[in-house]
Amino acid sequence: MYNLLHKNFLIQKKYSIFAMLYGMVVFIFFIPLYSNFAYSMGAFGITYMLFMTFLSFDAKNKTEIVLNSLPLVRSDIVRAQFLSTLAYTVFSLLLMTLTGLLIKVSPLSFQVPSIRGLDVVITIISISILVSVALPIYHRFPSGSIFQIVHFILFLFFFFVPSYIGTFIKGNINESWVQQLLQLNLNSPWFLPLIGIIAAALFLIVSYPLSVKYYTAKEL
């Protein structure tokens, strides 16, 4: 298992600098519009890039054929894909935090907020659901065309929807249902994140055995 995770991280070494540059671009262009979601949007985008990179690398180099010639259980290979994505998420959040600190001490003219716990929760929930949908599709349709289309749609959805929801709520702040939602969040700030975490966990619980099933049935 360790060797599989190590392999998935070695692939990403040359993309680390590009990932940091991407984080800076997110701050520069998205802070004025989506200041509350810059960290989660940046971390989500970096994780998506790293996730797609290791899947594309495996497909291009037919890594699965090599792995399945070794004494490895296929469920371990799938588990390593899920765990690698979790590790990418942690790496991306740390990278965005570092980028935010660097911009704070730079001569740039705009203010960068500090990362919040909510940014971490939003990123983990979004990535968990994205991967839970994407990996079964990836293993079910080896040709990749359907996977690429679905994954791109999911990326756009999770990248922009959280910020859109925030903007929509601000624009309808006087609506009664918005007031009730805000009051709920004020009285129980843990409630909505908890619902998201439970939903993400359920997606992962369903996705893992499904991914193993499709991968095991795949002819390599």
Foldseek 3Di string as FASTA:
>chain_A
DVVLLVVLVVLCVVCPVVLLVQLLVLCVPPCVPQLVASLLLSLLVQLLVSLVSSLVVCLVVVVVVVVVVDPDDLLVNLVSSVVSSVVSSVVSSVSSQVSLVVVCPDPDDDHHDHDDPVSSLLNVLLSLLLCLVLLLVCLQDVVCPVSVVVSVVSSVCSSCVVSVVVVVCVVPVPDPVSVVVVVCCVVPVVVVSVVSVVVSVVSNVVRSVSSSVSNVPDDD
